[in-house]
PDB file of N, CA and C in Angstrom:
ATOM      1  N   MET A   1     -13.768  55.176 -43.985  1.00  0.00           N
ATOM      2  CA  MET A   1     -12.954  54.795 -42.846  1.00  0.00           C
ATOM      3  C   MET A   1     -13.713  55.461 -41.650  1.00  0.00           C
ATOM      4  N   TYR A   2     -13.792  54.685 -40.559  1.00  0.00           N
ATOM      5  CA  TYR A   2     -14.413  55.142 -39.322  1.00  0.00           C
ATOM      6  C   TYR A   2     -13.448  55.085 -38.144  1.00  0.00           C
ATOM      7  N   TRP A   3     -13.481  55.972 -37.275  1.00  0.00           N
ATOM      8  CA  TRP A   3     -12.655  56.024 -36.100  1.00  0.00           C
ATOM      9  C   TRP A   3     -13.505  55.608 -34.925  1.00  0.00           C
ATOM     10  N   SER A   4     -12.927  54.651 -34.168  1.00  0.00           N
ATOM     11  CA  SER A   4     -13.682  54.185 -32.950  1.00  0.00           C
ATOM     12  C   SER A   4     -12.702  54.223 -31.804  1.00  0.00           C
ATOM     13  N   LYS A   5     -13.215  54.852 -30.786  1.00  0.00           N
ATOM     14  CA  LYS A   5     -12.332  54.985 -29.502  1.00  0.00           C
ATOM     15  C   LYS A   5     -11.933  53.572 -28.969  1.00  0.00           C
ATOM     16  N   SER A   6     -12.687  52.585 -29.228  1.00  0.00           N
ATOM     17  CA  SER A   6     -12.388  51.242 -28.771  1.00  0.00           C
ATOM     18  C   SER A   6     -11.117  50.662 -29.384  1.00  0.00           C
ATOM     19  N   ARG A   7     -10.675  51.269 -30.502  1.00  0.00           N
ATOM     20  CA  ARG A   7      -9.522  50.756 -31.185  1.00  0.00           C
ATOM     21  C   ARG A   7      -8.199  51.434 -30.676  1.00  0.00           C
ATOM     22  N   PHE A   8      -8.302  52.378 -29.957  1.00  0.00           N
ATOM     23  CA  PHE A   8      -7.147  53.156 -29.409  1.00  0.00           C
ATOM     24  C   PHE A   8      -6.774  52.701 -28.032  1.00  0.00           C
ATOM     25  N   ILE A   9      -5.419  52.453 -27.789  1.00  0.00           N
ATOM     26  CA  ILE A   9      -4.933  52.058 -26.446  1.00  0.00           C
ATOM     27  C   ILE A   9      -4.802  53.293 -25.569  1.00  0.00           C
ATOM     28  N   PRO A  10      -5.096  53.239 -24.363  1.00  0.00           N
ATOM     29  CA  PRO A  10      -5.059  54.372 -23.460  1.00  0.00           C
ATOM     30  C   PRO A  10      -3.637  54.834 -23.035  1.00  0.00           C
ATOM     31  N   ARG A  11      -2.682  53.991 -23.183  1.00  0.00           N
ATOM     32  CA  ARG A  11      -1.345  54.378 -22.742  1.00  0.00           C
ATOM     33  C   ARG A  11      -0.566  55.099 -23.776  1.00  0.00           C
ATOM     34  N   PRO A  12       0.324  55.983 -23.482  1.00  0.00           N
ATOM     35  CA  PRO A  12       1.094  56.754 -24.544  1.00  0.00           C
ATOM     36  C   PRO A  12       2.060  55.839 -25.195  1.00  0.00           C
ATOM     37  N   LEU A  13       2.369  56.109 -26.478  1.00  0.00           N
ATOM     38  CA  LEU A  13       3.242  55.399 -27.272  1.00  0.00           C
ATOM     39  C   LEU A  13       4.623  55.976 -27.392  1.00  0.00           C
ATOM     40  N   CYS A  14       4.753  57.145 -26.864  1.00  0.00           N
ATOM     41  CA  CYS A  14       5.967  57.904 -26.897  1.00  0.00           C
ATOM     42  C   CYS A  14       6.523  58.249 -25.519  1.00  0.00           C
ATOM     43  N   ASP A  15       7.902  58.165 -25.322  1.00  0.00           N
ATOM     44  CA  ASP A  15       8.547  58.428 -24.059  1.00  0.00           C
ATOM     45  C   ASP A  15       8.742  59.943 -23.881  1.00  0.00           C
ATOM     46  N   THR A  16       8.629  60.752 -24.910  1.00  0.00           N
ATOM     47  CA  THR A  16       8.906  62.175 -24.873  1.00  0.00           C
ATOM     48  C   THR A  16       7.838  62.811 -24.079  1.00  0.00           C
ATOM     49  N   LEU A  17       8.244  63.648 -23.115  1.00  0.00           N
ATOM     50  CA  LEU A  17       7.325  64.408 -22.297  1.00  0.00           C
ATOM     51  C   LEU A  17       7.155  65.789 -22.985  1.00  0.00           C
ATOM     52  N   VAL A  18       6.039  65.920 -23.689  1.00  0.00           N
ATOM     53  CA  VAL A  18       5.791  67.223 -24.409  1.00  0.00           C
ATOM     54  C   VAL A  18       5.511  68.280 -23.323  1.00  0.00           C
ATOM     55  N   ASN A  19       5.128  67.885 -22.146  1.00  0.00           N
ATOM     56  CA  ASN A  19       4.807  68.771 -21.092  1.00  0.00           C
ATOM     57  C   ASN A  19       5.996  69.631 -20.759  1.00  0.00           C
ATOM     58  N   ASN A  20       7.257  69.113 -20.865  1.00  0.00           N
ATOM     59  CA  ASN A  20       8.439  69.876 -20.561  1.00  0.00           C
ATOM     60  C   ASN A  20       8.497  71.075 -21.420  1.00  0.00           C
ATOM     61  N   MET A  21       8.119  71.017 -22.706  1.00  0.00           N
ATOM     62  CA  MET A  21       8.166  72.220 -23.525  1.00  0.00           C
ATOM     63  C   MET A  21       7.199  73.319 -23.078  1.00  0.00           C
ATOM     64  N   SER A  22       6.096  72.939 -22.718  1.00  0.00           N
ATOM     65  CA  SER A  22       5.036  73.883 -22.210  1.00  0.00           C
ATOM     66  C   SER A  22       5.476  74.377 -20.975  1.00  0.00           C
ATOM     67  N   GLU A  23       6.012  73.582 -20.027  1.00  0.00           N
ATOM     68  CA  GLU A  23       6.411  74.091 -18.696  1.00  0.00           C
ATOM     69  C   GLU A  23       7.583  75.115 -18.915  1.00  0.00           C
ATOM     70  N   THR A  24       8.581  74.874 -19.740  1.00  0.00           N
ATOM     71  CA  THR A  24       9.663  75.719 -20.031  1.00  0.00           C
ATOM     72  C   THR A  24       9.123  77.069 -20.553  1.00  0.00           C
ATOM     73  N   PHE A  25       8.192  76.992 -21.547  1.00  0.00           N
ATOM     74  CA  PHE A  25       7.647  78.220 -22.126  1.00  0.00           C
ATOM     75  C   PHE A  25       6.900  79.049 -21.031  1.00  0.00           C
ATOM     76  N   ASN A  26       6.113  78.310 -20.205  1.00  0.00           N
ATOM     77  CA  ASN A  26       5.421  79.033 -19.115  1.00  0.00           C
ATOM     78  C   ASN A  26       6.286  79.683 -18.121  1.00  0.00           C
ATOM     79  N   SER A  27       7.477  79.038 -17.890  1.00  0.00           N
ATOM     80  CA  SER A  27       8.461  79.615 -16.910  1.00  0.00           C
ATOM     81  C   SER A  27       9.092  80.887 -17.502  1.00  0.00           C
ATOM     82  N   ILE A  28       9.205  80.961 -18.841  1.00  0.00           N
ATOM     83  CA  ILE A  28       9.746  82.123 -19.491  1.00  0.00           C
ATOM     84  C   ILE A  28       8.783  83.290 -19.528  1.00  0.00           C
ATOM     85  N   ILE A  29       7.510  83.037 -19.663  1.00  0.00           N
ATOM     86  CA  ILE A  29       6.549  84.134 -19.822  1.00  0.00           C
ATOM     87  C   ILE A  29       5.823  84.504 -18.422  1.00  0.00           C
ATOM     88  N   VAL A  30       6.379  84.009 -17.327  1.00  0.00           N
ATOM     89  CA  VAL A  30       5.798  84.300 -16.075  1.00  0.00           C
ATOM     90  C   VAL A  30       5.530  85.778 -15.764  1.00  0.00           C
ATOM     91  N   GLN A  31       6.537  86.573 -16.161  1.00  0.00           N
ATOM     92  CA  GLN A  31       6.348  88.018 -15.874  1.00  0.00           C
ATOM     93  C   GLN A  31       5.332  88.646 -16.786  1.00  0.00           C
ATOM     94  N   ALA A  32       5.277  88.154 -18.052  1.00  0.00           N
ATOM     95  CA  ALA A  32       4.420  88.755 -19.084  1.00  0.00           C
ATOM     96  C   ALA A  32       2.932  88.386 -18.720  1.00  0.00           C
ATOM     97  N   ARG A  33       2.746  87.251 -18.049  1.00  0.00           N
ATOM     98  CA  ARG A  33       1.380  86.814 -17.753  1.00  0.00           C
ATOM     99  C   ARG A  33       0.589  87.784 -16.859  1.00  0.00           C
ATOM    100  N   SER A  34       1.376  88.630 -16.084  1.00  0.00           N
ATOM    101  CA  SER A  34       0.605  89.604 -15.186  1.00  0.00           C
ATOM    102  C   SER A  34       0.163  90.812 -15.863  1.00  0.00           C
ATOM    103  N   LYS A  35       0.570  90.956 -17.179  1.00  0.00           N
ATOM    104  CA  LYS A  35       0.186  92.177 -17.815  1.00  0.00           C
ATOM    105  C   LYS A  35      -1.121  92.098 -18.597  1.00  0.00           C
ATOM    106  N   PRO A  36      -1.596  93.163 -19.092  1.00  0.00           N
ATOM    107  CA  PRO A  36      -2.816  93.117 -19.921  1.00  0.00           C
ATOM    108  C   PRO A  36      -2.530  92.330 -21.141  1.00  0.00           C
ATOM    109  N   ILE A  37      -3.590  91.798 -21.863  1.00  0.00           N
ATOM    110  CA  ILE A  37      -3.428  90.922 -22.896  1.00  0.00           C
ATOM    111  C   ILE A  37      -2.545  91.371 -24.066  1.00  0.00           C
ATOM    112  N   VAL A  38      -2.758  92.636 -24.507  1.00  0.00           N
ATOM    113  CA  VAL A  38      -1.974  93.074 -25.630  1.00  0.00           C
ATOM    114  C   VAL A  38      -0.573  93.265 -25.270  1.00  0.00           C
ATOM    115  N   SER A  39      -0.270  93.773 -24.079  1.00  0.00           N
ATOM    116  CA  SER A  39       1.122  93.889 -23.598  1.00  0.00           C
ATOM    117  C   SER A  39       1.774  92.572 -23.464  1.00  0.00           C
ATOM    118  N   MET A  40       1.011  91.571 -22.934  1.00  0.00           N
ATOM    119  CA  MET A  40       1.503  90.264 -22.726  1.00  0.00           C
ATOM    120  C   MET A  40       1.865  89.658 -24.059  1.00  0.00           C
ATOM    121  N   MET A  41       1.024  89.810 -25.071  1.00  0.00           N
ATOM    122  CA  MET A  41       1.269  89.241 -26.363  1.00  0.00           C
ATOM    123  C   MET A  41       2.539  89.887 -26.987  1.00  0.00           C
ATOM    124  N   GLU A  42       2.590  91.212 -26.859  1.00  0.00           N
ATOM    125  CA  GLU A  42       3.776  91.907 -27.437  1.00  0.00           C
ATOM    126  C   GLU A  42       5.125  91.434 -26.782  1.00  0.00           C
ATOM    127  N   GLU A  43       5.083  91.191 -25.425  1.00  0.00           N
ATOM    128  CA  GLU A  43       6.261  90.753 -24.762  1.00  0.00           C
ATOM    129  C   GLU A  43       6.622  89.286 -25.174  1.00  0.00           C
ATOM    130  N   ILE A  44       5.624  88.529 -25.342  1.00  0.00           N
ATOM    131  CA  ILE A  44       5.920  87.159 -25.854  1.00  0.00           C
ATOM    132  C   ILE A  44       6.396  87.189 -27.293  1.00  0.00           C
ATOM    133  N   HIS A  45       5.832  87.994 -28.079  1.00  0.00           N
ATOM    134  CA  HIS A  45       6.286  88.222 -29.474  1.00  0.00           C
ATOM    135  C   HIS A  45       7.785  88.642 -29.519  1.00  0.00           C
ATOM    136  N   LEU A  46       8.031  89.627 -28.694  1.00  0.00           N
ATOM    137  CA  LEU A  46       9.433  90.192 -28.615  1.00  0.00           C
ATOM    138  C   LEU A  46      10.510  89.007 -28.169  1.00  0.00           C
ATOM    139  N   TYR A  47      10.100  88.267 -27.230  1.00  0.00           N
ATOM    140  CA  TYR A  47      10.909  87.192 -26.663  1.00  0.00           C
ATOM    141  C   TYR A  47      11.138  86.131 -27.832  1.00  0.00           C
ATOM    142  N   MET A  48      10.071  85.764 -28.549  1.00  0.00           N
ATOM    143  CA  MET A  48      10.186  84.724 -29.636  1.00  0.00           C
ATOM    144  C   MET A  48      11.054  85.327 -30.718  1.00  0.00           C
ATOM    145  N   MET A  49      10.880  86.563 -31.157  1.00  0.00           N
ATOM    146  CA  MET A  49      11.752  87.112 -32.179  1.00  0.00           C
ATOM    147  C   MET A  49      13.177  87.152 -31.816  1.00  0.00           C
ATOM    148  N   GLN A  50      13.470  87.543 -30.548  1.00  0.00           N
ATOM    149  CA  GLN A  50      14.897  87.574 -30.107  1.00  0.00           C
ATOM    150  C   GLN A  50      15.420  86.152 -30.117  1.00  0.00           C
ATOM    151  N   ARG A  51      14.717  85.240 -29.628  1.00  0.00           N
ATOM    152  CA  ARG A  51      15.185  83.860 -29.587  1.00  0.00           C
ATOM    153  C   ARG A  51      15.461  83.295 -31.007  1.00  0.00           C
ATOM    154  N   TRP A  52      14.519  83.601 -31.929  1.00  0.00           N
ATOM    155  CA  TRP A  52      14.731  83.164 -33.340  1.00  0.00           C
ATOM    156  C   TRP A  52      15.967  83.774 -33.956  1.00  0.00           C
ATOM    157  N   ASP A  53      16.079  85.090 -33.642  1.00  0.00           N
ATOM    158  CA  ASP A  53      17.260  85.832 -34.160  1.00  0.00           C
ATOM    159  C   ASP A  53      18.604  85.206 -33.588  1.00  0.00           C
ATOM    160  N   GLU A  54      18.603  84.916 -32.273  1.00  0.00           N
ATOM    161  CA  GLU A  54      19.892  84.240 -31.810  1.00  0.00           C
ATOM    162  C   GLU A  54      20.085  82.928 -32.473  1.00  0.00           C
ATOM    163  N   ASN A  55      19.043  82.125 -32.665  1.00  0.00           N
ATOM    164  CA  ASN A  55      19.211  80.837 -33.229  1.00  0.00           C
ATOM    165  C   ASN A  55      19.678  80.971 -34.745  1.00  0.00           C
ATOM    166  N   ARG A  56      19.140  81.975 -35.385  1.00  0.00           N
ATOM    167  CA  ARG A  56      19.498  82.208 -36.747  1.00  0.00           C
ATOM    168  C   ARG A  56      20.964  82.614 -36.873  1.00  0.00           C
ATOM    169  N   SER A  57      21.373  83.495 -35.929  1.00  0.00           N
ATOM    170  CA  SER A  57      22.852  83.864 -35.865  1.00  0.00           C
ATOM    171  C   SER A  57      23.751  82.732 -35.675  1.00  0.00           C
ATOM    172  N   LYS A  58      23.340  81.873 -34.743  1.00  0.00           N
ATOM    173  CA  LYS A  58      24.200  80.674 -34.430  1.00  0.00           C
ATOM    174  C   LYS A  58      24.206  79.726 -35.691  1.00  0.00           C
ATOM    175  N   GLU A  59      23.133  79.650 -36.360  1.00  0.00           N
ATOM    176  CA  GLU A  59      23.009  78.708 -37.533  1.00  0.00           C
ATOM    177  C   GLU A  59      23.894  79.281 -38.633  1.00  0.00           C
ATOM    178  N   LYS A  60      23.943  80.616 -38.890  1.00  0.00           N
ATOM    179  CA  LYS A  60      24.752  81.272 -39.939  1.00  0.00           C
ATOM    180  C   LYS A  60      26.246  81.043 -39.627  1.00  0.00           C
ATOM    181  N   SER A  61      26.619  81.081 -38.407  1.00  0.00           N
ATOM    182  CA  SER A  61      28.029  80.947 -38.048  1.00  0.00           C
ATOM    183  C   SER A  61      28.518  79.518 -38.089  1.00  0.00           C
ATOM    184  N   PHE A  62      27.543  78.581 -38.281  1.00  0.00           N
ATOM    185  CA  PHE A  62      27.913  77.152 -38.266  1.00  0.00           C
ATOM    186  C   PHE A  62      28.351  76.728 -39.690  1.00  0.00           C
ATOM    187  N   LYS A  63      29.570  76.116 -39.661  1.00  0.00           N
ATOM    188  CA  LYS A  63      30.196  75.775 -40.994  1.00  0.00           C
ATOM    189  C   LYS A  63      30.183  74.322 -41.320  1.00  0.00           C
ATOM    190  N   ASN A  64      29.863  73.441 -40.409  1.00  0.00           N
ATOM    191  CA  ASN A  64      29.955  71.993 -40.631  1.00  0.00           C
ATOM    192  C   ASN A  64      28.568  71.490 -41.217  1.00  0.00           C
ATOM    193  N   THR A  65      28.575  70.212 -41.602  1.00  0.00           N
ATOM    194  CA  THR A  65      27.310  69.545 -42.023  1.00  0.00           C
ATOM    195  C   THR A  65      26.605  68.860 -40.844  1.00  0.00           C
ATOM    196  N   ILE A  66      27.325  68.674 -39.734  1.00  0.00           N
ATOM    197  CA  ILE A  66      26.746  67.991 -38.663  1.00  0.00           C
ATOM    198  C   ILE A  66      26.803  68.965 -37.386  1.00  0.00           C
ATOM    199  N   CYS A  67      25.743  68.885 -36.571  1.00  0.00           N
ATOM    200  CA  CYS A  67      25.706  69.805 -35.427  1.00  0.00           C
ATOM    201  C   CYS A  67      26.837  69.478 -34.456  1.00  0.00           C
ATOM    202  N   PRO A  68      27.328  70.394 -33.730  1.00  0.00           N
ATOM    203  CA  PRO A  68      28.501  70.140 -32.811  1.00  0.00           C
ATOM    204  C   PRO A  68      28.180  69.025 -31.789  1.00  0.00           C
ATOM    205  N   ARG A  69      27.101  69.028 -31.137  1.00  0.00           N
ATOM    206  CA  ARG A  69      26.825  67.987 -30.130  1.00  0.00           C
ATOM    207  C   ARG A  69      26.810  66.570 -30.828  1.00  0.00           C
ATOM    208  N   ILE A  70      26.108  66.470 -31.932  1.00  0.00           N
ATOM    209  CA  ILE A  70      26.004  65.285 -32.627  1.00  0.00           C
ATOM    210  C   ILE A  70      27.374  64.816 -33.084  1.00  0.00           C
ATOM    211  N   LYS A  71      28.182  65.764 -33.586  1.00  0.00           N
ATOM    212  CA  LYS A  71      29.507  65.387 -34.088  1.00  0.00           C
ATOM    213  C   LYS A  71      30.355  64.890 -32.881  1.00  0.00           C
ATOM    214  N   THR A  72      30.290  65.512 -31.787  1.00  0.00           N
ATOM    215  CA  THR A  72      31.030  65.024 -30.607  1.00  0.00           C
ATOM    216  C   THR A  72      30.655  63.585 -30.265  1.00  0.00           C
ATOM    217  N   ARG A  73      29.306  63.369 -30.227  1.00  0.00           N
ATOM    218  CA  ARG A  73      28.871  61.989 -29.968  1.00  0.00           C
ATOM    219  C   ARG A  73      29.263  61.046 -30.998  1.00  0.00           C
ATOM    220  N   LEU A  74      29.218  61.394 -32.282  1.00  0.00           N
ATOM    221  CA  LEU A  74      29.643  60.512 -33.359  1.00  0.00           C
ATOM    222  C   LEU A  74      31.140  60.172 -33.311  1.00  0.00           C
ATOM    223  N   ASP A  75      31.931  61.210 -32.924  1.00  0.00           N
ATOM    224  CA  ASP A  75      33.393  60.961 -32.725  1.00  0.00           C
ATOM    225  C   ASP A  75      33.647  60.030 -31.594  1.00  0.00           C
ATOM    226  N   ASN A  76      32.920  60.064 -30.504  1.00  0.00           N
ATOM    227  CA  ASN A  76      33.061  59.230 -29.368  1.00  0.00           C
ATOM    228  C   ASN A  76      32.716  57.858 -29.750  1.00  0.00           C
ATOM    229  N   GLU A  77      31.578  57.640 -30.475  1.00  0.00           N
ATOM    230  CA  GLU A  77      31.147  56.308 -30.862  1.00  0.00           C
ATOM    231  C   GLU A  77      32.169  55.749 -31.872  1.00  0.00           C
ATOM    232  N   THR A  78      32.676  56.625 -32.731  1.00  0.00           N
ATOM    233  CA  THR A  78      33.696  56.024 -33.742  1.00  0.00           C
ATOM    234  C   THR A  78      34.915  55.540 -32.979  1.00  0.00           C
ATOM    235  N   THR A  79      35.360  56.353 -31.998  1.00  0.00           N
ATOM    236  CA  THR A  79      36.574  55.899 -31.168  1.00  0.00           C
ATOM    237  C   THR A  79      36.254  54.577 -30.467  1.00  0.00           C
ATOM    238  N   ASN A  80      35.105  54.540 -29.914  1.00  0.00           N
ATOM    239  CA  ASN A  80      34.703  53.341 -29.101  1.00  0.00           C
ATOM    240  C   ASN A  80      34.521  52.065 -30.047  1.00  0.00           C
ATOM    241  N   SER A  81      34.161  52.349 -31.232  1.00  0.00           N
ATOM    242  CA  SER A  81      33.869  51.207 -32.095  1.00  0.00           C
ATOM    243  C   SER A  81      35.177  50.489 -32.673  1.00  0.00           C
ATOM    244  N   THR A  82      36.278  51.181 -32.465  1.00  0.00           N
ATOM    245  CA  THR A  82      37.514  50.581 -32.951  1.00  0.00           C
ATOM    246  C   THR A  82      37.801  49.209 -32.374  1.00  0.00           C
ATOM    247  N   ASN A  83      37.262  48.985 -31.196  1.00  0.00           N
ATOM    248  CA  ASN A  83      37.397  47.688 -30.384  1.00  0.00           C
ATOM    249  C   ASN A  83      36.455  46.658 -30.796  1.00  0.00           C
ATOM    250  N   TRP A  84      35.478  46.943 -31.595  1.00  0.00           N
ATOM    251  CA  TRP A  84      34.439  45.984 -31.968  1.00  0.00           C
ATOM    252  C   TRP A  84      35.001  44.879 -32.871  1.00  0.00           C
ATOM    253  N   THR A  85      34.423  43.738 -32.828  1.00  0.00           N
ATOM    254  CA  THR A  85      34.717  42.706 -33.716  1.00  0.00           C
ATOM    255  C   THR A  85      33.502  42.310 -34.509  1.00  0.00           C
ATOM    256  N   PRO A  86      33.671  42.424 -35.899  1.00  0.00           N
ATOM    257  CA  PRO A  86      32.440  42.180 -36.697  1.00  0.00           C
ATOM    258  C   PRO A  86      32.235  40.638 -36.753  1.00  0.00           C
ATOM    259  N   ARG A  87      31.016  40.159 -36.695  1.00  0.00           N
ATOM    260  CA  ARG A  87      30.661  38.750 -36.833  1.00  0.00           C
ATOM    261  C   ARG A  87      29.560  38.593 -37.875  1.00  0.00           C
ATOM    262  N   TYR A  88      29.600  37.547 -38.521  1.00  0.00           N
ATOM    263  CA  TYR A  88      28.590  37.118 -39.445  1.00  0.00           C
ATOM    264  C   TYR A  88      27.601  36.194 -38.652  1.00  0.00           C
ATOM    265  N   PHE A  89      26.317  36.479 -38.769  1.00  0.00           N
ATOM    266  CA  PHE A  89      25.360  35.556 -38.112  1.00  0.00           C
ATOM    267  C   PHE A  89      24.716  34.681 -39.072  1.00  0.00           C
TER     268      PHE A  89
END
């Protein structure tokens, strides 16, 4: 199998802006970036560990099988769908 650049289209196939994730991360570490490399890495490591711990705690306290936001949206869609009329095509 050979890869050729001519077979790829130049436009993106995804609407998600991955740049938002990197911009968010960069805004979080702005203070750490002014420190020496080892101190910067330790501060970023500490931030990531704290964030993971918070998320882990939230996940442990969660009792349902569906996440809260998704559950709310599903409930809204269920309520709205009561007025739908099924049709056979």
